[in-house]
Amino acid sequence: MVVSSTQAGTEASSQAGRGELSFAAASMRTTLWNLVSLACALALWQLAATLVGSPFFPAPLKIVDAFLQLATRGDTFGNSLLRHAWASIERVLVGFGFGVLLAVPMGLLMGLYPKLYAGTRSVLEPFRFIPPIAWIPLAIIFFTGLTRFAFLIFLGAFFPVFTSTLVGVARVEPIHRKVGIVHGASKYWTLRHVVVPTVLPDIMAGMRVGLGTAWLTIVAAELAGGISTGLGRMMTNYAELLQVPQVIVGMLLIGLIGFLMNEVLLLIEKRLFRWRWQVSL
């Protein structure tokens, strides 16, 4: 039996529509489960706080009250919660951006020329094992203001992205490169159309790891002092006053901002790599 092109197109459209509906239903179920999990966690937190009855273990309602006070009145020095949050976000974005801009080309270069990496490993690799917070004393001595935090976050973000890029280059199939060479492809064309698309998933994975390290670094750097704004600084100020709800507000806000940044990277990754399939059990 011969199927007309119109019927085939209609069947393809209906299948695509069913696929979109199933994806929307799966997204709604995921959102619902996340809301249920969050509600259960808050209920358990409230119950535990009621049973303990300690001012150092505040209930969620007290956290909400502390958040509203910080959002409307600011902290003890008059700095608003938005100002603290933006100060930390700005420092993270600047340092993280510089780290990615340097790590990606260096990873590509040393991945494409393994002898270059082998000849400089003794210089690069020891720095990878030095935690960024160990550089805080030197950063305080040599840098001031935004430059200090950008330097520390750069160190935290650089090596995860660099290592992921370096490893990703080794996964490029030699046959793909050879096919391009046979058809007269230049080195630039091969880099752009073969190497970079293959390495890009590893770069995105390294960026997600580097972003987490960047937030760990910025909080530790702000705890060191010398500034008046930043979520880490705000948490330290209230910890000295034994105001636990305000400290937890800072912690939760850091987690929320980091989560949202990670979600943005995930959306970009899903947009770029629609061709990738996921394995589930």
Protein backbone atom coordinates (compact mmCIF):
# COMPACT_ATOMS: atom_id res chain seq x y z
CA MET A 1 0.00 0.00 0.00
CA VAL A 2 1.38 3.39 -0.98
CA VAL A 3 1.14 6.16 1.61
CA SER A 4 0.74 9.66 0.19
CA SER A 5 3.06 12.48 1.19
CA THR A 6 0.14 14.35 2.78
CA GLN A 7 -0.70 11.41 5.04
CA ALA A 8 2.97 10.99 5.98
CA GLY A 9 3.22 14.67 6.84
CA THR A 10 0.06 14.49 8.94
CA GLU A 11 1.36 11.46 10.86
CA ALA A 12 4.71 13.18 11.46
CA SER A 13 2.96 16.29 12.72
CA SER A 14 0.75 14.27 15.06
CA GLN A 15 3.77 12.39 16.41
CA ALA A 16 5.61 15.66 17.00
CA GLY A 17 2.55 17.04 18.78
CA ARG A 18 2.33 13.97 21.01
CA GLY A 19 6.05 14.31 21.75
CA GLU A 20 5.61 17.94 22.81
CA LEU A 21 2.65 17.05 25.02
CA SER A 22 4.54 14.21 26.68
CA PHE A 23 7.51 16.50 27.30
CA ALA A 24 5.23 19.16 28.83
CA ALA A 25 3.54 16.53 31.02
CA ALA A 26 6.94 15.22 32.17
CA SER A 27 8.05 18.77 33.00
CA MET A 28 4.88 19.39 35.01
CA ARG A 29 5.36 16.13 36.92
CA THR A 30 8.97 17.05 37.70
CA THR A 31 7.94 20.49 38.92
CA LEU A 32 5.18 18.98 41.06
CA TRP A 33 7.56 16.48 42.66
CA ASN A 34 10.03 19.25 43.41
CA LEU A 35 7.31 21.31 45.09
CA VAL A 36 6.22 18.30 47.14
CA SER A 37 9.82 17.60 48.18
CA LEU A 38 10.30 21.24 49.17
CA ALA A 39 7.08 21.25 51.20
CA CYS A 40 8.11 18.06 53.01
CA ALA A 41 11.55 19.46 53.79
CA LEU A 42 10.04 22.68 55.20
CA ALA A 43 7.53 20.71 57.28
CA LEU A 44 10.30 18.53 58.76
CA TRP A 45 12.38 21.64 59.44
CA GLN A 46 9.45 23.30 61.23
CA LEU A 47 8.80 20.19 63.29
CA ALA A 48 12.45 19.81 64.28
CA ALA A 49 12.70 23.49 65.26
CA THR A 50 9.56 23.19 67.39
CA LEU A 51 10.89 20.10 69.17
CA VAL A 52 14.35 21.59 69.80
CA GLY A 53 13.04 25.00 70.85
CA SER A 54 16.43 26.71 70.58
CA PRO A 55 17.09 30.27 69.29
CA PHE A 56 20.09 28.84 67.43
CA PHE A 57 17.83 26.52 65.44
CA PRO A 58 15.19 28.88 64.01
CA ALA A 59 12.04 27.71 62.28
CA PRO A 60 11.32 28.54 58.62
CA LEU A 61 8.87 31.28 59.61
CA LYS A 62 11.62 33.10 61.50
CA ILE A 63 13.85 32.80 58.44
CA VAL A 64 11.12 34.37 56.31
CA ASP A 65 10.74 37.19 58.85
CA ALA A 66 14.50 37.82 58.83
CA PHE A 67 14.49 37.85 55.02
CA LEU A 68 11.70 40.43 54.91
CA GLN A 69 13.51 42.64 57.41
CA LEU A 70 16.77 42.48 55.44
CA ALA A 71 14.95 43.09 52.16
CA THR A 72 13.02 46.11 53.41
CA ARG A 73 15.26 47.69 56.08
CA GLY A 74 18.73 46.43 55.22
CA ASP A 75 21.35 45.19 57.66
CA THR A 76 22.81 46.86 60.75
CA PHE A 77 25.02 49.06 58.54
CA GLY A 78 22.20 50.13 56.23
CA ASN A 79 23.21 47.92 53.30
CA SER A 80 20.25 46.34 51.53
CA LEU A 81 20.01 42.63 50.87
CA LEU A 82 19.96 43.35 47.13
CA ARG A 83 23.23 45.27 47.42
CA HIS A 84 24.89 42.38 49.26
CA ALA A 85 23.62 39.87 46.69
CA TRP A 86 24.66 41.96 43.68
CA ALA A 87 28.15 42.55 45.12
CA SER A 88 28.72 38.79 45.36
CA ILE A 89 27.17 38.07 41.95
CA GLU A 90 29.31 40.73 40.26
CA ARG A 91 32.51 39.34 41.77
CA VAL A 92 31.61 35.80 40.76
CA LEU A 93 30.69 36.73 37.19
CA VAL A 94 33.87 38.76 36.59
CA GLY A 95 36.25 36.14 37.97
CA PHE A 96 34.36 33.25 36.40
CA GLY A 97 34.25 34.99 33.02
CA PHE A 98 38.00 35.61 32.97
CA GLY A 99 38.63 32.02 34.06
CA VAL A 100 36.56 30.60 31.19
CA LEU A 101 38.03 33.00 28.62
CA LEU A 102 41.55 31.85 29.44
CA ALA A 103 40.88 28.19 30.27
CA VAL A 104 39.10 27.25 27.02
CA PRO A 105 41.78 28.41 24.54
CA MET A 106 44.58 27.07 26.74
CA GLY A 107 42.84 23.71 27.05
CA LEU A 108 42.31 23.55 23.28
CA LEU A 109 45.91 24.55 22.58
CA MET A 110 47.48 22.05 24.94
CA GLY A 111 45.04 19.34 23.91
CA LEU A 112 45.90 19.80 20.25
CA TYR A 113 49.62 19.92 21.01
CA PRO A 114 50.20 17.28 23.72
CA LYS A 115 53.95 17.90 23.73
CA LEU A 116 53.31 21.47 24.86
CA TYR A 117 51.24 20.23 27.79
CA ALA A 118 53.76 17.51 28.63
CA GLY A 119 56.53 20.09 28.71
CA THR A 120 54.65 22.46 31.05
CA ARG A 121 52.90 19.98 33.39
CA SER A 122 55.43 20.55 36.16
CA VAL A 123 54.43 24.23 36.17
CA LEU A 124 50.65 23.93 35.72
CA GLU A 125 49.64 20.87 37.70
CA PRO A 126 50.95 21.89 41.16
CA PHE A 127 48.80 25.04 41.02
CA ARG A 128 45.71 22.91 40.39
CA PHE A 129 46.01 21.36 43.84
CA ILE A 130 46.37 24.66 45.71
CA PRO A 131 42.87 25.66 46.90
CA PRO A 132 41.82 29.20 45.97
CA ILE A 133 41.29 30.13 49.63
CA ALA A 134 45.00 29.48 50.23
CA TRP A 135 45.68 32.49 47.99
CA ILE A 136 43.59 34.85 50.14
CA PRO A 137 46.54 36.25 52.18
CA LEU A 138 48.50 37.03 49.00
CA ALA A 139 45.41 38.45 47.32
CA ILE A 140 44.88 40.80 50.27
CA ILE A 141 48.48 41.98 49.97
CA PHE A 142 48.67 42.46 46.20
CA PHE A 143 45.10 43.38 45.17
CA THR A 144 42.25 45.60 46.31
CA GLY A 145 38.55 45.85 45.59
CA LEU A 146 37.00 43.85 42.78
CA THR A 147 40.40 42.79 41.43
CA ARG A 148 41.10 40.80 44.60
CA PHE A 149 37.91 38.76 44.34
CA ALA A 150 38.18 38.36 40.57
CA PHE A 151 41.67 36.92 41.01
CA LEU A 152 40.54 34.39 43.63
CA ILE A 153 37.48 33.30 41.67
CA PHE A 154 39.55 33.11 38.50
CA LEU A 155 41.79 30.55 40.24
CA GLY A 156 38.77 28.56 41.36
CA ALA A 157 37.08 28.52 37.94
CA PHE A 158 40.11 28.16 35.67
CA PHE A 159 41.29 24.62 36.40
CA PRO A 160 37.92 22.78 36.18
CA VAL A 161 37.27 24.34 32.76
CA PHE A 162 40.86 23.90 31.60
CA THR A 163 41.00 20.23 32.62
CA SER A 164 37.62 19.43 31.05
CA THR A 165 38.66 21.09 27.79
CA LEU A 166 42.01 19.31 27.77
CA VAL A 167 40.38 15.91 28.32
CA GLY A 168 37.66 16.66 25.77
CA VAL A 169 40.17 17.26 22.98
CA ALA A 170 41.56 13.75 23.48
CA ARG A 171 38.07 12.36 22.78
CA VAL A 172 37.89 13.80 19.27
CA GLU A 173 37.70 10.90 16.82
CA PRO A 174 40.80 10.87 14.55
CA ILE A 175 38.67 9.62 11.66
CA HIS A 176 36.61 12.81 11.70
CA ARG A 177 39.72 14.94 11.44
CA LYS A 178 41.16 12.75 8.68
CA VAL A 179 37.95 12.96 6.63
CA GLY A 180 38.18 16.74 6.75
CA ILE A 181 41.82 16.67 5.70
CA VAL A 182 41.04 14.36 2.75
CA HIS A 183 38.46 16.85 1.52
CA GLY A 184 40.89 19.74 1.79
CA ALA A 185 39.73 21.21 5.10
CA SER A 186 42.04 23.76 6.72
CA LYS A 187 43.19 23.57 10.32
CA TYR A 188 40.84 26.41 11.24
CA TRP A 189 37.87 24.63 9.63
CA THR A 190 38.73 21.41 11.46
CA LEU A 191 39.04 23.27 14.74
CA ARG A 192 35.73 25.05 14.28
CA HIS A 193 33.61 22.23 12.84
CA VAL A 194 35.16 19.11 14.36
CA VAL A 195 37.16 19.84 17.51
CA VAL A 196 35.07 22.56 19.17
CA PRO A 197 31.64 20.83 18.73
CA THR A 198 33.11 17.62 20.17
CA VAL A 199 34.74 19.36 23.14
CA LEU A 200 31.85 21.73 23.90
CA PRO A 201 29.93 19.28 26.15
CA ASP A 202 33.06 18.83 28.27
CA ILE A 203 33.56 22.59 28.41
CA MET A 204 29.99 23.08 29.67
CA ALA A 205 30.48 20.38 32.31
CA GLY A 206 33.70 22.07 33.44
CA MET A 207 31.92 25.42 33.61
CA ARG A 208 29.28 23.98 35.94
CA VAL A 209 31.96 22.59 38.25
CA GLY A 210 33.91 25.85 38.05
CA LEU A 211 30.81 27.87 38.92
CA GLY A 212 30.34 25.85 42.10
CA THR A 213 33.98 26.39 43.02
CA ALA A 214 33.59 30.11 42.31
CA TRP A 215 30.78 30.43 44.87
CA LEU A 216 32.74 28.48 47.47
CA THR A 217 35.67 30.82 46.87
CA ILE A 218 33.73 34.08 47.02
CA VAL A 219 32.11 33.22 50.34
CA ALA A 220 35.49 32.34 51.88
CA ALA A 221 37.07 35.49 50.44
CA GLU A 222 34.30 37.73 51.79
CA LEU A 223 34.57 36.12 55.20
CA ALA A 224 38.20 37.28 55.31
CA GLY A 225 37.07 40.87 55.77
CA GLY A 226 38.22 44.19 54.34
CA ILE A 227 34.83 44.92 52.70
CA SER A 228 31.38 46.04 53.79
CA THR A 229 29.17 44.33 51.20
CA GLY A 230 28.69 40.78 49.98
CA LEU A 231 26.64 37.87 51.26
CA GLY A 232 29.66 36.32 52.97
CA ARG A 233 30.41 39.60 54.74
CA MET A 234 26.77 39.96 55.80
CA MET A 235 26.74 36.44 57.23
CA THR A 236 29.90 37.14 59.24
CA ASN A 237 28.48 40.37 60.67
CA TYR A 238 25.34 38.64 61.91
CA ALA A 239 27.25 35.60 63.16
CA GLU A 240 29.23 37.91 65.45
CA LEU A 241 25.89 39.18 66.79
CA LEU A 242 24.58 35.59 67.19
CA GLN A 243 21.70 36.37 64.82
CA VAL A 244 21.26 32.92 63.31
CA PRO A 245 18.15 33.64 61.14
CA GLN A 246 20.00 36.35 59.19
CA VAL A 247 22.98 34.03 58.70
CA ILE A 248 20.70 31.32 57.31
CA VAL A 249 19.09 33.89 54.98
CA GLY A 250 22.53 34.54 53.50
CA MET A 251 23.21 30.81 53.16
CA LEU A 252 19.88 30.12 51.45
CA LEU A 253 20.30 33.09 49.13
CA ILE A 254 23.75 31.86 48.07
CA GLY A 255 22.29 28.43 47.38
CA LEU A 256 19.39 29.91 45.41
CA ILE A 257 21.60 32.16 43.27
CA GLY A 258 24.04 29.34 42.58
CA PHE A 259 21.14 27.04 41.68
CA LEU A 260 19.69 29.60 39.25
CA MET A 261 23.08 30.14 37.60
CA ASN A 262 23.50 26.39 37.22
CA GLU A 263 20.02 26.16 35.69
CA VAL A 264 20.97 28.81 33.13
CA LEU A 265 24.01 26.75 32.13
CA LEU A 266 21.82 23.64 31.90
CA LEU A 267 19.34 25.45 29.63
CA ILE A 268 22.19 26.57 27.37
CA GLU A 269 23.54 23.03 27.34
CA LYS A 270 20.16 21.56 26.41
CA ARG A 271 19.75 24.17 23.71
CA LEU A 272 23.15 23.46 22.19
CA PHE A 273 23.07 19.68 22.48
CA ARG A 274 19.61 18.63 21.39
CA TRP A 275 21.21 15.76 19.53
CA ARG A 276 22.44 14.18 22.74
CA TRP A 277 20.40 11.38 24.30
CA GLN A 278 20.15 10.53 27.95
CA VAL A 279 20.33 7.10 29.51
CA SER A 280 17.87 6.31 32.31
CA LEU A 281 16.96 3.17 34.19
